[in-house]
C-alpha atoms as a PDB file:
ATOM      1  CA  UNK A   1      40.462  10.010  53.545  1.00  0.00           C
ATOM      2  CA  UNK A   2      43.057  10.874  56.508  1.00  0.00           C
ATOM      3  CA  UNK A   3      46.808   9.269  56.118  1.00  0.00           C
ATOM      4  CA  UNK A   4      45.745   7.494  59.670  1.00  0.00           C
ATOM      5  CA  UNK A   5      43.103   5.650  58.145  1.00  0.00           C
ATOM      6  CA  UNK A   6      44.926   4.197  55.218  1.00  0.00           C
ATOM      7  CA  UNK A   7      46.564   0.782  55.206  1.00  0.00           C
ATOM      8  CA  UNK A   8      49.911   1.232  53.692  1.00  0.00           C
ATOM      9  CA  UNK A   9      52.030  -1.614  55.076  1.00  0.00           C
ATOM     10  CA  UNK A  10      51.802  -5.038  52.969  1.00  0.00           C
ATOM     11  CA  UNK A  11      52.092  -6.920  55.915  1.00  0.00           C
ATOM     12  CA  UNK A  12      48.601  -5.199  56.816  1.00  0.00           C
ATOM     13  CA  UNK A  13      47.227  -5.862  53.489  1.00  0.00           C
ATOM     14  CA  UNK A  14      48.306  -9.592  53.725  1.00  0.00           C
ATOM     15  CA  UNK A  15      47.039 -10.071  57.245  1.00  0.00           C
ATOM     16  CA  UNK A  16      43.522  -8.479  56.798  1.00  0.00           C
ATOM     17  CA  UNK A  17      43.499 -10.829  53.574  1.00  0.00           C
ATOM     18  CA  UNK A  18      44.590 -14.008  55.478  1.00  0.00           C
ATOM     19  CA  UNK A  19      42.708 -13.350  58.620  1.00  0.00           C
ATOM     20  CA  UNK A  20      39.604 -11.709  57.756  1.00  0.00           C
ATOM     21  CA  UNK A  21      36.066 -12.339  56.053  1.00  0.00           C
ATOM     22  CA  UNK A  22      35.409 -11.508  52.645  1.00  0.00           C
ATOM     23  CA  UNK A  23      32.287 -10.258  50.408  1.00  0.00           C
ATOM     24  CA  UNK A  24      32.326  -9.942  46.650  1.00  0.00           C
ATOM     25  CA  UNK A  25      30.241  -8.841  43.695  1.00  0.00           C
ATOM     26  CA  UNK A  26      31.122  -7.859  40.240  1.00  0.00           C
ATOM     27  CA  UNK A  27      33.017  -4.696  40.906  1.00  0.00           C
ATOM     28  CA  UNK A  28      34.818  -5.668  44.204  1.00  0.00           C
ATOM     29  CA  UNK A  29      36.082  -7.801  46.728  1.00  0.00           C
ATOM     30  CA  UNK A  30      36.207  -6.775  50.303  1.00  0.00           C
ATOM     31  CA  UNK A  31      38.430  -8.215  53.134  1.00  0.00           C
ATOM     32  CA  UNK A  32      37.718  -7.175  56.649  1.00  0.00           C
ATOM     33  CA  UNK A  33      38.864  -7.961  60.116  1.00  0.00           C
ATOM     34  CA  UNK A  34      38.994  -6.124  63.399  1.00  0.00           C
ATOM     35  CA  UNK A  35      41.609  -4.528  64.794  1.00  0.00           C
ATOM     36  CA  UNK A  36      43.045  -3.089  68.001  1.00  0.00           C
ATOM     37  CA  UNK A  37      42.666   0.656  67.128  1.00  0.00           C
ATOM     38  CA  UNK A  38      39.811   2.470  67.882  1.00  0.00           C
ATOM     39  CA  UNK A  39      39.075   3.605  64.359  1.00  0.00           C
ATOM     40  CA  UNK A  40      38.954   2.139  60.725  1.00  0.00           C
ATOM     41  CA  UNK A  41      41.867   1.897  58.268  1.00  0.00           C
ATOM     42  CA  UNK A  42      41.284   1.125  54.454  1.00  0.00           C
ATOM     43  CA  UNK A  43      43.745  -0.408  51.844  1.00  0.00           C
ATOM     44  CA  UNK A  44      42.963   0.238  48.041  1.00  0.00           C
ATOM     45  CA  UNK A  45      44.016  -2.441  45.576  1.00  0.00           C
ATOM     46  CA  UNK A  46      43.855  -1.834  41.994  1.00  0.00           C
ATOM     47  CA  UNK A  47      45.435  -4.773  39.629  1.00  0.00           C
ATOM     48  CA  UNK A  48      47.352  -3.658  36.768  1.00  0.00           C
ATOM     49  CA  UNK A  49      44.750  -5.397  34.524  1.00  0.00           C
ATOM     50  CA  UNK A  50      42.612  -2.226  35.097  1.00  0.00           C
ATOM     51  CA  UNK A  51      45.000  -0.167  33.226  1.00  0.00           C
ATOM     52  CA  UNK A  52      48.112   2.076  33.211  1.00  0.00           C
ATOM     53  CA  UNK A  53      49.297   4.047  36.353  1.00  0.00           C
ATOM     54  CA  UNK A  54      47.584   7.262  35.407  1.00  0.00           C
ATOM     55  CA  UNK A  55      44.098   4.921  35.237  1.00  0.00           C
ATOM     56  CA  UNK A  56      44.893   2.778  38.558  1.00  0.00           C
ATOM     57  CA  UNK A  57      45.195   6.192  40.507  1.00  0.00           C
ATOM     58  CA  UNK A  58      42.310   7.484  39.107  1.00  0.00           C
ATOM     59  CA  UNK A  59      40.215   4.285  40.128  1.00  0.00           C
ATOM     60  CA  UNK A  60      41.861   4.672  43.632  1.00  0.00           C
ATOM     61  CA  UNK A  61      40.960   8.391  44.144  1.00  0.00           C
ATOM     62  CA  UNK A  62      37.409   7.562  43.122  1.00  0.00           C
ATOM     63  CA  UNK A  63      37.331   4.641  45.852  1.00  0.00           C
ATOM     64  CA  UNK A  64      38.624   6.899  48.620  1.00  0.00           C
ATOM     65  CA  UNK A  65      36.119   9.219  47.869  1.00  0.00           C
ATOM     66  CA  UNK A  66      33.366   6.632  47.781  1.00  0.00           C
ATOM     67  CA  UNK A  67      34.891   5.757  51.238  1.00  0.00           C
ATOM     68  CA  UNK A  68      34.745   9.032  52.782  1.00  0.00           C
ATOM     69  CA  UNK A  69      30.886   9.350  52.035  1.00  0.00           C
ATOM     70  CA  UNK A  70      30.382   5.836  53.186  1.00  0.00           C
ATOM     71  CA  UNK A  71      32.340   5.294  55.979  1.00  0.00           C
ATOM     72  CA  UNK A  72      32.139   6.986  59.862  1.00  0.00           C
ATOM     73  CA  UNK A  73      35.931   5.930  60.355  1.00  0.00           C
ATOM     74  CA  UNK A  74      35.617   6.383  64.045  1.00  0.00           C
ATOM     75  CA  UNK A  75      32.774   4.346  65.016  1.00  0.00           C
ATOM     76  CA  UNK A  76      34.127   0.873  64.532  1.00  0.00           C
ATOM     77  CA  UNK A  77      37.710  -1.085  64.525  1.00  0.00           C
ATOM     78  CA  UNK A  78      38.042  -2.573  61.419  1.00  0.00           C
ATOM     79  CA  UNK A  79      40.768  -2.985  58.660  1.00  0.00           C
ATOM     80  CA  UNK A  80      39.327  -3.364  55.340  1.00  0.00           C
ATOM     81  CA  UNK A  81      40.852  -4.124  52.063  1.00  0.00           C
ATOM     82  CA  UNK A  82      38.975  -2.921  49.027  1.00  0.00           C
ATOM     83  CA  UNK A  83      40.165  -4.877  45.668  1.00  0.00           C
ATOM     84  CA  UNK A  84      38.513  -3.438  42.252  1.00  0.00           C
ATOM     85  CA  UNK A  85      37.643  -5.556  39.729  1.00  0.00           C
ATOM     86  CA  UNK A  86      37.396  -5.793  35.957  1.00  0.00           C
ATOM     87  CA  UNK A  87      34.006  -4.623  35.927  1.00  0.00           C
ATOM     88  CA  UNK A  88      34.499  -1.566  37.763  1.00  0.00           C
ATOM     89  CA  UNK A  89      35.330  -0.175  34.576  1.00  0.00           C
ATOM     90  CA  UNK A  90      32.004  -1.040  33.127  1.00  0.00           C
ATOM     91  CA  UNK A  91      30.174   0.806  35.502  1.00  0.00           C
ATOM     92  CA  UNK A  92      29.195   4.187  36.660  1.00  0.00           C
ATOM     93  CA  UNK A  93      30.636   6.089  39.471  1.00  0.00           C
ATOM     94  CA  UNK A  94      27.194   6.102  41.236  1.00  0.00           C
ATOM     95  CA  UNK A  95      26.545   2.522  40.324  1.00  0.00           C
ATOM     96  CA  UNK A  96      30.145   1.574  41.785  1.00  0.00           C
ATOM     97  CA  UNK A  97      29.275   3.713  45.046  1.00  0.00           C
ATOM     98  CA  UNK A  98      26.269   1.950  45.359  1.00  0.00           C
ATOM     99  CA  UNK A  99      27.724  -1.614  44.841  1.00  0.00           C
ATOM    100  CA  UNK A 100      30.313  -0.675  47.777  1.00  0.00           C
ATOM    101  CA  UNK A 101      27.730   0.843  49.990  1.00  0.00           C
ATOM    102  CA  UNK A 102      26.231  -2.687  49.931  1.00  0.00           C
ATOM    103  CA  UNK A 103      29.405  -4.417  50.373  1.00  0.00           C
ATOM    104  CA  UNK A 104      30.332  -2.095  53.445  1.00  0.00           C
ATOM    105  CA  UNK A 105      26.922  -3.132  54.914  1.00  0.00           C
ATOM    106  CA  UNK A 106      28.368  -6.566  55.724  1.00  0.00           C
ATOM    107  CA  UNK A 107      31.367  -4.996  57.846  1.00  0.00           C
ATOM    108  CA  UNK A 108      29.226  -4.184  60.955  1.00  0.00           C
END
C-alpha cells in the first residue's frame, strides 16, 4: 500500500467513522465514506487489547497485505477505516482475508 493510500490523520479517521457507513463481522468493523479524491485511502486501527506493539504492528502489516490484493485503489473514491476485533487472533490468515473481502464488497 502506497503512502498516498493511507489515512494517517486522526481527524480523517474520526470523520470517516462519524460520517460513514459501517459493516461488521466477527473479525472486523469497517467504516467507509466517499471522499473528494480519485483514489481509495485506507486506515487501520488495532486496539491494545489485541497485544503489545509488536503484535499490533504484525496485524497491521497483515491487513495491509490483504488490502493490496483485494482493493484496486484507483477505481473508486472512498475512505475506509478497518478496525480489527479480538476474534481476528482466533482465525487463520486466509479466513481473515476472506472475511475482509466480503466486507469490502459492501463499499462498492
